[in-house]
Amino acid sequence: MTTTQVRDAAVRAAPHKTDKRNARRRVTPAQIVLIAALAVAAVYFLFPVYWLVIAATKSTGTLFGSSGLLVDQPQLVDNLQRVFTYGGGIFVRWAGNSLLYSGVGALVATILSISAGYCLAKFRFRGREFWFNVILAGVMIPGTALALPLFLMMSQLGLVNTYWAVLLPSLLSPFGVYLGRIYATAAVPDTLLEASRLDGAGEFRIFYGLVIRLMAPAAVTVFLFQFIGIWNNYFLPLVMLSDQSLYPITLGLVSWQSVADRHPELYQLAIGGAFVSVIPIMIAIISLQRFWRAGLTEGSVKG
C-alpha cells in the first residue's frame, strides 16, 4: 500500500472514530435527571452554609435589617474578634473542650472498635454471635434514650459536671465495632494471619504491625463518624454539665442564644461561633474523605 492510499484510509476512518467518541459521550435522559437531582440536593444541603457565611459577615443591625442572602457592610474579622474575646474568651474554652471531647473520644473509640471488630471477625469463641448481636442492638438505640441512665450512673460515681461525664460515654461506638468486623472479614486474609503466626509473630504484633495497616480505611471512617457525632452532640452535655467552663461549643452557643433577647449582640456572636464551629468538621471531612469513601465501599462490596 502506497503512502497516498494509507493517508486516504486514515481520512475515511477518522469520521468513524469521531462518531464512536461522540456516541460514548452522549448523555442519556436518565443521566440528565440524575445530574439535575444531584444538583438540587447539593443546593439544598449547601444553602444553610451559604446563609451562615453571609450572616457571619454582618453586624447585629444589618443581620435583621437586610437580606439574608446578600452581603451588606461586611465585617467578618471584627465579628470573629468579638466571638473570641467575649466573656473573657469563653468561646476559646468551649472550642478546646469540644476538641478534647471529640478528639480523645474519637481516637479511643476507633482503637476499641477496630480491635473488637477484628476479634469478632477472626477469632472463634463461645458467645461470639451473641455479643455481636448485642452490639448491633446498641446501634439501634438512640443516644437520647441512654442520657438519663448515663446521668444516674455518673451521679452514683460522682462524675456529673466533670469532663469524664461527657468523655466516658463517647469512648464506645457500636457502629464502629460493626463496621470493624465487616471490614476485617473482607480486608484481612486468614492466610496472611496464619503465615504471620508461622513466622513466630505474636497476636499483638500481628494486630499492631499488620492488621492496623490493612484496616486503616475503616479506622478513618470510624474516627470521622465518631468525631462528628461527638462534636455535634448537644443532649448529653446538656444533661451532664452545669459549669459553663466545661461546655462544648454546641451547648455554649445555645446558652448565648437563650439570653439573646436581653443582650441582642449575642445573636451575632452565636452566628459567628456557629460559623467557626463548622470549620474543624469541614477540614476533617475534606482531608480524610478519600479514606472515608474507601472504608465504606470496601466493607459493602467485599462484605
C-alpha atoms as a PDB file:
ATOM      1  CA  MET A   1       0.000   0.000   0.000  1.00  0.00           C
ATOM      2  CA  THR A   2       1.360   3.363  -1.031  1.00  0.00           C
ATOM      3  CA  THR A   3       1.611   6.399   1.228  1.00  0.00           C
ATOM      4  CA  THR A   4      -1.331   8.060  -0.566  1.00  0.00           C
ATOM      5  CA  GLN A   5      -3.552   5.042  -0.004  1.00  0.00           C
ATOM      6  CA  VAL A   6      -2.644   4.956   3.695  1.00  0.00           C
ATOM      7  CA  ARG A   7      -3.497   8.645   4.048  1.00  0.00           C
ATOM      8  CA  ASP A   8      -6.865   8.164   2.285  1.00  0.00           C
ATOM      9  CA  ALA A   9      -7.725   5.216   4.543  1.00  0.00           C
ATOM     10  CA  ALA A  10      -6.890   7.265   7.630  1.00  0.00           C
ATOM     11  CA  VAL A  11      -9.119  10.119   6.429  1.00  0.00           C
ATOM     12  CA  ARG A  12     -12.023   7.732   5.801  1.00  0.00           C
ATOM     13  CA  ALA A  13     -11.593   6.113   9.224  1.00  0.00           C
ATOM     14  CA  ALA A  14     -11.352   9.393  11.164  1.00  0.00           C
ATOM     15  CA  PRO A  15     -15.098  10.262  11.000  1.00  0.00           C
ATOM     16  CA  HIS A  16     -15.997   6.770  12.214  1.00  0.00           C
ATOM     17  CA  LYS A  17     -13.705   7.184  15.235  1.00  0.00           C
ATOM     18  CA  THR A  18     -15.215  10.597  15.940  1.00  0.00           C
ATOM     19  CA  ASP A  19     -18.716   9.170  15.733  1.00  0.00           C
ATOM     20  CA  LYS A  20     -17.790   6.439  18.210  1.00  0.00           C
ATOM     21  CA  ARG A  21     -16.362   9.004  20.639  1.00  0.00           C
ATOM     22  CA  ASN A  22     -19.469  11.162  20.341  1.00  0.00           C
ATOM     23  CA  ALA A  23     -21.667   8.135  20.941  1.00  0.00           C
ATOM     24  CA  ARG A  24     -19.758   7.332  24.096  1.00  0.00           C
ATOM     25  CA  ARG A  25     -20.049  10.936  25.310  1.00  0.00           C
ATOM     26  CA  ARG A  26     -23.758  11.234  24.513  1.00  0.00           C
ATOM     27  CA  VAL A  27     -25.728  11.940  27.692  1.00  0.00           C
ATOM     28  CA  THR A  28     -28.851   9.873  28.213  1.00  0.00           C
ATOM     29  CA  PRO A  29     -32.095  11.269  29.694  1.00  0.00           C
ATOM     30  CA  ALA A  30     -31.556   9.186  32.821  1.00  0.00           C
ATOM     31  CA  GLN A  31     -28.155  10.787  33.328  1.00  0.00           C
ATOM     32  CA  ILE A  32     -29.647  14.253  32.880  1.00  0.00           C
ATOM     33  CA  VAL A  33     -32.293  13.517  35.519  1.00  0.00           C
ATOM     34  CA  LEU A  34     -29.651  12.129  37.878  1.00  0.00           C
ATOM     35  CA  ILE A  35     -27.370  15.144  37.443  1.00  0.00           C
ATOM     36  CA  ALA A  36     -30.301  17.515  37.982  1.00  0.00           C
ATOM     37  CA  ALA A  37     -31.355  15.655  41.151  1.00  0.00           C
ATOM     38  CA  LEU A  38     -27.793  15.767  42.492  1.00  0.00           C
ATOM     39  CA  ALA A  39     -27.573  19.487  41.719  1.00  0.00           C
ATOM     40  CA  VAL A  40     -30.816  20.148  43.603  1.00  0.00           C
ATOM     41  CA  ALA A  41     -29.581  18.073  46.544  1.00  0.00           C
ATOM     42  CA  ALA A  42     -26.271  19.961  46.571  1.00  0.00           C
ATOM     43  CA  VAL A  43     -28.068  23.327  46.625  1.00  0.00           C
ATOM     44  CA  TYR A  44     -30.379  22.083  49.378  1.00  0.00           C
ATOM     45  CA  PHE A  45     -27.508  20.991  51.620  1.00  0.00           C
ATOM     46  CA  LEU A  46     -25.192  23.914  50.849  1.00  0.00           C
ATOM     47  CA  PHE A  47     -27.785  26.674  51.165  1.00  0.00           C
ATOM     48  CA  PRO A  48     -27.649  26.790  55.022  1.00  0.00           C
ATOM     49  CA  VAL A  49     -23.856  27.018  54.820  1.00  0.00           C
ATOM     50  CA  TYR A  50     -24.147  29.889  52.358  1.00  0.00           C
ATOM     51  CA  TRP A  51     -26.611  31.689  54.625  1.00  0.00           C
ATOM     52  CA  LEU A  52     -24.321  31.143  57.628  1.00  0.00           C
ATOM     53  CA  VAL A  53     -21.311  32.591  55.803  1.00  0.00           C
ATOM     54  CA  ILE A  54     -23.302  35.656  54.705  1.00  0.00           C
ATOM     55  CA  ALA A  55     -24.810  36.175  58.168  1.00  0.00           C
ATOM     56  CA  ALA A  56     -21.405  35.879  59.839  1.00  0.00           C
ATOM     57  CA  THR A  57     -20.210  38.939  57.911  1.00  0.00           C
ATOM     58  CA  LYS A  58     -22.998  41.252  59.139  1.00  0.00           C
ATOM     59  CA  SER A  59     -23.426  43.438  62.171  1.00  0.00           C
ATOM     60  CA  THR A  60     -26.298  42.955  64.597  1.00  0.00           C
ATOM     61  CA  GLY A  61     -28.269  45.730  62.920  1.00  0.00           C
ATOM     62  CA  THR A  62     -27.851  44.527  59.339  1.00  0.00           C
ATOM     63  CA  LEU A  63     -28.470  40.937  60.424  1.00  0.00           C
ATOM     64  CA  PHE A  64     -32.169  41.721  60.849  1.00  0.00           C
ATOM     65  CA  GLY A  65     -32.434  44.773  58.621  1.00  0.00           C
ATOM     66  CA  SER A  66     -31.084  43.418  55.325  1.00  0.00           C
ATOM     67  CA  SER A  67     -31.489  40.428  53.036  1.00  0.00           C
ATOM     68  CA  GLY A  68     -30.136  37.193  54.435  1.00  0.00           C
ATOM     69  CA  LEU A  69     -28.775  36.204  51.028  1.00  0.00           C
ATOM     70  CA  LEU A  70     -26.741  39.308  50.196  1.00  0.00           C
ATOM     71  CA  VAL A  71     -23.609  40.762  51.772  1.00  0.00           C
ATOM     72  CA  ASP A  72     -24.246  44.126  53.432  1.00  0.00           C
ATOM     73  CA  GLN A  73     -21.408  46.069  55.085  1.00  0.00           C
ATOM     74  CA  PRO A  74     -19.201  43.024  55.729  1.00  0.00           C
ATOM     75  CA  GLN A  75     -17.220  42.949  58.954  1.00  0.00           C
ATOM     76  CA  LEU A  76     -16.296  39.308  59.385  1.00  0.00           C
ATOM     77  CA  VAL A  77     -12.952  39.977  61.075  1.00  0.00           C
ATOM     78  CA  ASP A  78     -14.487  42.258  63.697  1.00  0.00           C
ATOM     79  CA  ASN A  79     -17.277  39.764  64.360  1.00  0.00           C
ATOM     80  CA  LEU A  80     -14.859  36.888  64.862  1.00  0.00           C
ATOM     81  CA  GLN A  81     -12.704  39.015  67.132  1.00  0.00           C
ATOM     82  CA  ARG A  82     -15.723  39.689  69.347  1.00  0.00           C
ATOM     83  CA  VAL A  83     -16.584  35.986  69.361  1.00  0.00           C
ATOM     84  CA  PHE A  84     -13.145  35.034  70.649  1.00  0.00           C
ATOM     85  CA  THR A  85     -12.901  37.829  73.221  1.00  0.00           C
ATOM     86  CA  TYR A  86     -16.441  37.964  74.631  1.00  0.00           C
ATOM     87  CA  GLY A  87     -16.807  36.878  78.253  1.00  0.00           C
ATOM     88  CA  GLY A  88     -13.082  36.667  78.838  1.00  0.00           C
ATOM     89  CA  GLY A  89     -12.554  34.346  75.869  1.00  0.00           C
ATOM     90  CA  ILE A  90     -15.072  31.724  76.987  1.00  0.00           C
ATOM     91  CA  PHE A  91     -15.626  30.623  73.358  1.00  0.00           C
ATOM     92  CA  VAL A  92     -11.991  29.568  73.118  1.00  0.00           C
ATOM     93  CA  ARG A  93     -12.540  27.434  76.225  1.00  0.00           C
ATOM     94  CA  TRP A  94     -15.625  25.863  74.645  1.00  0.00           C
ATOM     95  CA  ALA A  95     -13.701  25.147  71.441  1.00  0.00           C
ATOM     96  CA  GLY A  96     -10.927  23.477  73.435  1.00  0.00           C
ATOM     97  CA  ASN A  97     -13.490  21.380  75.297  1.00  0.00           C
ATOM     98  CA  SER A  98     -15.074  20.280  72.024  1.00  0.00           C
ATOM     99  CA  LEU A  99     -11.684  19.307  70.617  1.00  0.00           C
ATOM    100  CA  LEU A 100     -10.938  17.372  73.802  1.00  0.00           C
ATOM    101  CA  TYR A 101     -14.247  15.517  73.821  1.00  0.00           C
ATOM    102  CA  SER A 102     -14.221  14.836  70.081  1.00  0.00           C
ATOM    103  CA  GLY A 103     -10.519  14.125  69.575  1.00  0.00           C
ATOM    104  CA  VAL A 104      -9.911  11.877  72.565  1.00  0.00           C
ATOM    105  CA  GLY A 105     -13.328  10.220  72.322  1.00  0.00           C
ATOM    106  CA  ALA A 106     -12.998   9.506  68.603  1.00  0.00           C
ATOM    107  CA  LEU A 107      -9.417   8.225  68.908  1.00  0.00           C
ATOM    108  CA  VAL A 108     -10.121   5.834  71.780  1.00  0.00           C
ATOM    109  CA  ALA A 109     -13.423   4.713  70.236  1.00  0.00           C
ATOM    110  CA  THR A 110     -11.630   3.968  66.966  1.00  0.00           C
ATOM    111  CA  ILE A 111      -8.974   1.822  68.646  1.00  0.00           C
ATOM    112  CA  LEU A 112     -11.561  -0.090  70.669  1.00  0.00           C
ATOM    113  CA  SER A 113     -13.885  -0.533  67.687  1.00  0.00           C
ATOM    114  CA  ILE A 114     -11.194  -1.794  65.321  1.00  0.00           C
ATOM    115  CA  SER A 115      -9.825  -4.149  67.988  1.00  0.00           C
ATOM    116  CA  ALA A 116     -13.259  -5.532  68.863  1.00  0.00           C
ATOM    117  CA  GLY A 117     -14.263  -5.839  65.212  1.00  0.00           C
ATOM    118  CA  TYR A 118     -11.074  -7.712  64.372  1.00  0.00           C
ATOM    119  CA  CYS A 119     -11.548 -10.112  67.292  1.00  0.00           C
ATOM    120  CA  LEU A 120     -15.176 -10.791  66.349  1.00  0.00           C
ATOM    121  CA  ALA A 121     -14.196 -11.427  62.734  1.00  0.00           C
ATOM    122  CA  LYS A 122     -11.064 -13.551  63.119  1.00  0.00           C
ATOM    123  CA  PHE A 123     -11.312 -15.357  66.469  1.00  0.00           C
ATOM    124  CA  ARG A 124     -13.801 -18.081  67.325  1.00  0.00           C
ATOM    125  CA  PHE A 125     -15.022 -18.186  70.912  1.00  0.00           C
ATOM    126  CA  ARG A 126     -18.167 -19.115  72.748  1.00  0.00           C
ATOM    127  CA  GLY A 127     -20.882 -16.483  72.582  1.00  0.00           C
ATOM    128  CA  ARG A 128     -19.303 -14.575  69.704  1.00  0.00           C
ATOM    129  CA  GLU A 129     -22.520 -14.155  67.737  1.00  0.00           C
ATOM    130  CA  PHE A 130     -24.497 -13.365  70.870  1.00  0.00           C
ATOM    131  CA  TRP A 131     -22.215 -10.475  71.808  1.00  0.00           C
ATOM    132  CA  PHE A 132     -22.178  -9.246  68.226  1.00  0.00           C
ATOM    133  CA  ASN A 133     -25.995  -9.172  68.212  1.00  0.00           C
ATOM    134  CA  VAL A 134     -25.912  -7.238  71.484  1.00  0.00           C
ATOM    135  CA  ILE A 135     -23.631  -4.693  69.819  1.00  0.00           C
ATOM    136  CA  LEU A 136     -25.997  -4.463  66.840  1.00  0.00           C
ATOM    137  CA  ALA A 137     -28.846  -3.767  69.251  1.00  0.00           C
ATOM    138  CA  GLY A 138     -26.759  -0.908  70.643  1.00  0.00           C
ATOM    139  CA  VAL A 139     -26.594   0.612  67.155  1.00  0.00           C
ATOM    140  CA  MET A 140     -30.391   0.838  67.035  1.00  0.00           C
ATOM    141  CA  ILE A 141     -30.811   2.503  70.449  1.00  0.00           C
ATOM    142  CA  PRO A 142     -30.865   6.323  70.120  1.00  0.00           C
ATOM    143  CA  GLY A 143     -28.463   8.280  72.264  1.00  0.00           C
ATOM    144  CA  THR A 144     -31.251  10.330  73.834  1.00  0.00           C
ATOM    145  CA  ALA A 145     -32.739   7.159  75.332  1.00  0.00           C
ATOM    146  CA  LEU A 146     -29.458   6.479  77.138  1.00  0.00           C
ATOM    147  CA  ALA A 147     -28.958  10.004  78.506  1.00  0.00           C
ATOM    148  CA  LEU A 148     -30.966   9.508  81.718  1.00  0.00           C
ATOM    149  CA  PRO A 149     -29.437   6.100  82.608  1.00  0.00           C
ATOM    150  CA  LEU A 150     -25.990   7.532  81.945  1.00  0.00           C
ATOM    151  CA  PHE A 151     -26.746  10.521  84.145  1.00  0.00           C
ATOM    152  CA  LEU A 152     -27.844   8.267  87.027  1.00  0.00           C
ATOM    153  CA  MET A 153     -24.722   6.129  86.572  1.00  0.00           C
ATOM    154  CA  MET A 154     -22.392   9.125  86.504  1.00  0.00           C
ATOM    155  CA  SER A 155     -24.197  10.607  89.500  1.00  0.00           C
ATOM    156  CA  GLN A 156     -23.544   7.471  91.550  1.00  0.00           C
ATOM    157  CA  LEU A 157     -19.891   7.584  90.530  1.00  0.00           C
ATOM    158  CA  GLY A 158     -19.615  11.279  91.399  1.00  0.00           C
ATOM    159  CA  LEU A 159     -18.614  12.239  87.857  1.00  0.00           C
ATOM    160  CA  VAL A 160     -21.507  14.565  86.974  1.00  0.00           C
ATOM    161  CA  ASN A 161     -20.353  18.042  85.943  1.00  0.00           C
ATOM    162  CA  THR A 162     -16.851  16.810  85.080  1.00  0.00           C
ATOM    163  CA  TYR A 163     -15.047  16.145  81.813  1.00  0.00           C
ATOM    164  CA  TRP A 164     -15.435  12.406  82.396  1.00  0.00           C
ATOM    165  CA  ALA A 165     -19.236  12.644  82.294  1.00  0.00           C
ATOM    166  CA  VAL A 166     -19.101  13.523  78.588  1.00  0.00           C
ATOM    167  CA  LEU A 167     -15.873  11.770  77.687  1.00  0.00           C
ATOM    168  CA  LEU A 168     -16.541   8.262  79.012  1.00  0.00           C
ATOM    169  CA  PRO A 169     -19.802   7.644  77.069  1.00  0.00           C
ATOM    170  CA  SER A 170     -18.015   8.856  73.938  1.00  0.00           C
ATOM    171  CA  LEU A 171     -15.357   6.145  74.092  1.00  0.00           C
ATOM    172  CA  LEU A 172     -17.671   3.432  72.751  1.00  0.00           C
ATOM    173  CA  SER A 173     -19.116   3.142  69.261  1.00  0.00           C
ATOM    174  CA  PRO A 174     -21.368   0.135  68.493  1.00  0.00           C
ATOM    175  CA  PHE A 175     -21.477   1.133  64.837  1.00  0.00           C
ATOM    176  CA  GLY A 176     -17.684   1.278  64.806  1.00  0.00           C
ATOM    177  CA  VAL A 177     -17.487  -2.304  66.110  1.00  0.00           C
ATOM    178  CA  TYR A 178     -19.952  -3.429  63.449  1.00  0.00           C
ATOM    179  CA  LEU A 179     -18.017  -1.696  60.675  1.00  0.00           C
ATOM    180  CA  GLY A 180     -14.738  -3.024  62.057  1.00  0.00           C
ATOM    181  CA  ARG A 181     -15.973  -6.605  61.896  1.00  0.00           C
ATOM    182  CA  ILE A 182     -17.343  -6.241  58.371  1.00  0.00           C
ATOM    183  CA  TYR A 183     -14.138  -4.647  57.137  1.00  0.00           C
ATOM    184  CA  ALA A 184     -11.843  -7.110  58.920  1.00  0.00           C
ATOM    185  CA  THR A 185     -13.711 -10.021  57.349  1.00  0.00           C
ATOM    186  CA  ALA A 186     -13.168  -8.534  53.884  1.00  0.00           C
ATOM    187  CA  ALA A 187      -9.725  -6.936  54.131  1.00  0.00           C
ATOM    188  CA  VAL A 188      -7.688  -9.218  56.428  1.00  0.00           C
ATOM    189  CA  PRO A 189      -6.991 -12.603  54.763  1.00  0.00           C
ATOM    190  CA  ASP A 190      -6.813 -15.635  57.057  1.00  0.00           C
ATOM    191  CA  THR A 191      -3.863 -16.966  55.053  1.00  0.00           C
ATOM    192  CA  LEU A 192      -1.866 -13.825  55.850  1.00  0.00           C
ATOM    193  CA  LEU A 193      -2.575 -14.220  59.561  1.00  0.00           C
ATOM    194  CA  GLU A 194      -1.542 -17.860  59.502  1.00  0.00           C
ATOM    195  CA  ALA A 195       1.667 -17.023  57.670  1.00  0.00           C
ATOM    196  CA  SER A 196       2.495 -14.387  60.274  1.00  0.00           C
ATOM    197  CA  ARG A 197       1.884 -16.853  63.094  1.00  0.00           C
ATOM    198  CA  LEU A 198       4.096 -19.459  61.412  1.00  0.00           C
ATOM    199  CA  ASP A 199       6.859 -16.840  61.251  1.00  0.00           C
ATOM    200  CA  GLY A 200       6.648 -16.542  65.028  1.00  0.00           C
ATOM    201  CA  ALA A 201       4.755 -13.244  65.322  1.00  0.00           C
ATOM    202  CA  GLY A 202       2.524 -12.841  68.362  1.00  0.00           C
ATOM    203  CA  GLU A 203      -1.082 -11.713  68.211  1.00  0.00           C
ATOM    204  CA  PHE A 204      -0.335  -8.196  69.439  1.00  0.00           C
ATOM    205  CA  ARG A 205       2.459  -7.787  66.919  1.00  0.00           C
ATOM    206  CA  ILE A 206       0.220  -9.052  64.132  1.00  0.00           C
ATOM    207  CA  PHE A 207      -2.534  -6.640  65.095  1.00  0.00           C
ATOM    208  CA  TYR A 208      -0.435  -3.503  65.569  1.00  0.00           C
ATOM    209  CA  GLY A 209       2.050  -4.233  62.780  1.00  0.00           C
ATOM    210  CA  LEU A 210      -0.222  -5.697  60.113  1.00  0.00           C
ATOM    211  CA  VAL A 211      -3.935  -5.559  60.822  1.00  0.00           C
ATOM    212  CA  ILE A 212      -3.999  -1.855  61.670  1.00  0.00           C
ATOM    213  CA  ARG A 213      -2.482  -1.020  58.291  1.00  0.00           C
ATOM    214  CA  LEU A 214      -4.945  -3.195  56.402  1.00  0.00           C
ATOM    215  CA  MET A 215      -7.877  -1.706  58.314  1.00  0.00           C
ATOM    216  CA  ALA A 216      -6.739   1.916  58.046  1.00  0.00           C
ATOM    217  CA  PRO A 217      -9.682   2.996  55.813  1.00  0.00           C
ATOM    218  CA  ALA A 218     -12.171   1.524  58.283  1.00  0.00           C
ATOM    219  CA  ALA A 219     -10.352   3.175  61.188  1.00  0.00           C
ATOM    220  CA  VAL A 220     -10.530   6.573  59.494  1.00  0.00           C
ATOM    221  CA  THR A 221     -14.221   6.025  58.774  1.00  0.00           C
ATOM    222  CA  VAL A 222     -14.977   5.211  62.399  1.00  0.00           C
ATOM    223  CA  PHE A 223     -12.883   8.176  63.555  1.00  0.00           C
ATOM    224  CA  LEU A 224     -14.751  10.589  61.287  1.00  0.00           C
ATOM    225  CA  PHE A 225     -18.196   9.376  62.280  1.00  0.00           C
ATOM    226  CA  GLN A 226     -17.336   9.432  65.973  1.00  0.00           C
ATOM    227  CA  PHE A 227     -15.604  12.809  65.803  1.00  0.00           C
ATOM    228  CA  ILE A 228     -18.542  14.458  64.033  1.00  0.00           C
ATOM    229  CA  GLY A 229     -21.058  12.754  66.309  1.00  0.00           C
ATOM    230  CA  ILE A 230     -19.325  13.937  69.483  1.00  0.00           C
ATOM    231  CA  TRP A 231     -18.673  17.421  68.095  1.00  0.00           C
ATOM    232  CA  ASN A 232     -22.367  17.887  67.267  1.00  0.00           C
ATOM    233  CA  ASN A 233     -23.619  16.223  70.449  1.00  0.00           C
ATOM    234  CA  TYR A 234     -25.842  18.558  72.429  1.00  0.00           C
ATOM    235  CA  PHE A 235     -28.156  16.496  74.616  1.00  0.00           C
ATOM    236  CA  LEU A 236     -25.528  14.556  76.578  1.00  0.00           C
ATOM    237  CA  PRO A 237     -23.551  17.666  77.678  1.00  0.00           C
ATOM    238  CA  LEU A 238     -26.858  19.371  78.482  1.00  0.00           C
ATOM    239  CA  VAL A 239     -27.752  16.563  80.889  1.00  0.00           C
ATOM    240  CA  MET A 240     -24.293  16.107  82.401  1.00  0.00           C
ATOM    241  CA  LEU A 241     -22.876  19.633  82.720  1.00  0.00           C
ATOM    242  CA  SER A 242     -23.858  22.773  84.586  1.00  0.00           C
ATOM    243  CA  ASP A 243     -20.466  24.535  84.724  1.00  0.00           C
ATOM    244  CA  GLN A 244     -20.045  26.799  81.677  1.00  0.00           C
ATOM    245  CA  SER A 245     -16.300  26.282  81.688  1.00  0.00           C
ATOM    246  CA  LEU A 246     -16.932  22.620  80.780  1.00  0.00           C
ATOM    247  CA  TYR A 247     -19.382  23.311  77.947  1.00  0.00           C
ATOM    248  CA  PRO A 248     -18.631  22.222  74.379  1.00  0.00           C
ATOM    249  CA  ILE A 249     -19.342  24.635  71.543  1.00  0.00           C
ATOM    250  CA  THR A 250     -22.842  23.276  70.905  1.00  0.00           C
ATOM    251  CA  LEU A 251     -24.042  23.889  74.449  1.00  0.00           C
ATOM    252  CA  GLY A 252     -22.202  27.199  74.735  1.00  0.00           C
ATOM    253  CA  LEU A 253     -23.803  28.654  71.611  1.00  0.00           C
ATOM    254  CA  VAL A 254     -27.250  27.637  72.840  1.00  0.00           C
ATOM    255  CA  SER A 255     -26.540  29.377  76.156  1.00  0.00           C
ATOM    256  CA  TRP A 256     -25.745  32.561  74.213  1.00  0.00           C
ATOM    257  CA  GLN A 257     -28.850  32.182  72.093  1.00  0.00           C
ATOM    258  CA  SER A 258     -31.079  31.675  75.143  1.00  0.00           C
ATOM    259  CA  VAL A 259     -30.229  35.121  76.562  1.00  0.00           C
ATOM    260  CA  ALA A 260     -30.007  36.959  73.236  1.00  0.00           C
ATOM    261  CA  ASP A 261     -33.387  38.607  73.827  1.00  0.00           C
ATOM    262  CA  ARG A 262     -31.856  40.565  76.716  1.00  0.00           C
ATOM    263  CA  HIS A 263     -28.489  41.009  75.015  1.00  0.00           C
ATOM    264  CA  PRO A 264     -29.118  41.411  71.242  1.00  0.00           C
ATOM    265  CA  GLU A 265     -25.417  41.417  70.412  1.00  0.00           C
ATOM    266  CA  LEU A 266     -25.345  37.728  71.299  1.00  0.00           C
ATOM    267  CA  TYR A 267     -27.346  36.923  68.171  1.00  0.00           C
ATOM    268  CA  GLN A 268     -24.375  37.890  66.036  1.00  0.00           C
ATOM    269  CA  LEU A 269     -21.919  36.202  68.396  1.00  0.00           C
ATOM    270  CA  ALA A 270     -23.885  32.952  68.225  1.00  0.00           C
ATOM    271  CA  ILE A 271     -23.873  33.069  64.413  1.00  0.00           C
ATOM    272  CA  GLY A 272     -20.160  33.828  64.314  1.00  0.00           C
ATOM    273  CA  GLY A 273     -19.499  30.996  66.751  1.00  0.00           C
ATOM    274  CA  ALA A 274     -21.557  28.618  64.604  1.00  0.00           C
ATOM    275  CA  PHE A 275     -19.504  29.670  61.578  1.00  0.00           C
ATOM    276  CA  VAL A 276     -16.277  28.879  63.424  1.00  0.00           C
ATOM    277  CA  SER A 277     -17.648  25.581  64.741  1.00  0.00           C
ATOM    278  CA  VAL A 278     -18.197  24.080  61.281  1.00  0.00           C
ATOM    279  CA  ILE A 279     -14.626  24.740  60.145  1.00  0.00           C
ATOM    280  CA  PRO A 280     -12.978  21.796  62.014  1.00  0.00           C
ATOM    281  CA  ILE A 281     -15.602  19.405  60.659  1.00  0.00           C
ATOM    282  CA  MET A 282     -15.090  20.636  57.103  1.00  0.00           C
ATOM    283  CA  ILE A 283     -11.316  20.279  57.446  1.00  0.00           C
ATOM    284  CA  ALA A 284     -11.634  16.746  58.834  1.00  0.00           C
ATOM    285  CA  ILE A 285     -14.011  15.595  56.095  1.00  0.00           C
ATOM    286  CA  ILE A 286     -12.101  17.183  53.216  1.00  0.00           C
ATOM    287  CA  SER A 287      -8.711  15.896  54.372  1.00  0.00           C
ATOM    288  CA  LEU A 288      -9.890  12.343  55.140  1.00  0.00           C
ATOM    289  CA  GLN A 289     -12.699  11.838  52.615  1.00  0.00           C
ATOM    290  CA  ARG A 290     -10.695   9.514  50.360  1.00  0.00           C
ATOM    291  CA  PHE A 291     -10.167   7.107  53.273  1.00  0.00           C
ATOM    292  CA  TRP A 292     -13.817   7.566  54.248  1.00  0.00           C
ATOM    293  CA  ARG A 293     -15.092   6.534  50.814  1.00  0.00           C
ATOM    294  CA  ALA A 294     -12.691   3.607  50.678  1.00  0.00           C
ATOM    295  CA  GLY A 295     -13.804   2.416  54.107  1.00  0.00           C
ATOM    296  CA  LEU A 296     -17.463   2.428  53.148  1.00  0.00           C
ATOM    297  CA  THR A 297     -17.138   0.800  49.730  1.00  0.00           C
ATOM    298  CA  GLU A 298     -14.676  -1.864  50.880  1.00  0.00           C
ATOM    299  CA  GLY A 299     -16.997  -3.270  53.511  1.00  0.00           C
ATOM    300  CA  SER A 300     -20.121  -3.022  51.347  1.00  0.00           C
ATOM    301  CA  VAL A 301     -18.632  -4.589  48.211  1.00  0.00           C
ATOM    302  CA  LYS A 302     -16.475  -7.310  49.711  1.00  0.00           C
ATOM    303  CA  GLY A 303     -18.529  -7.951  52.823  1.00  0.00           C
END
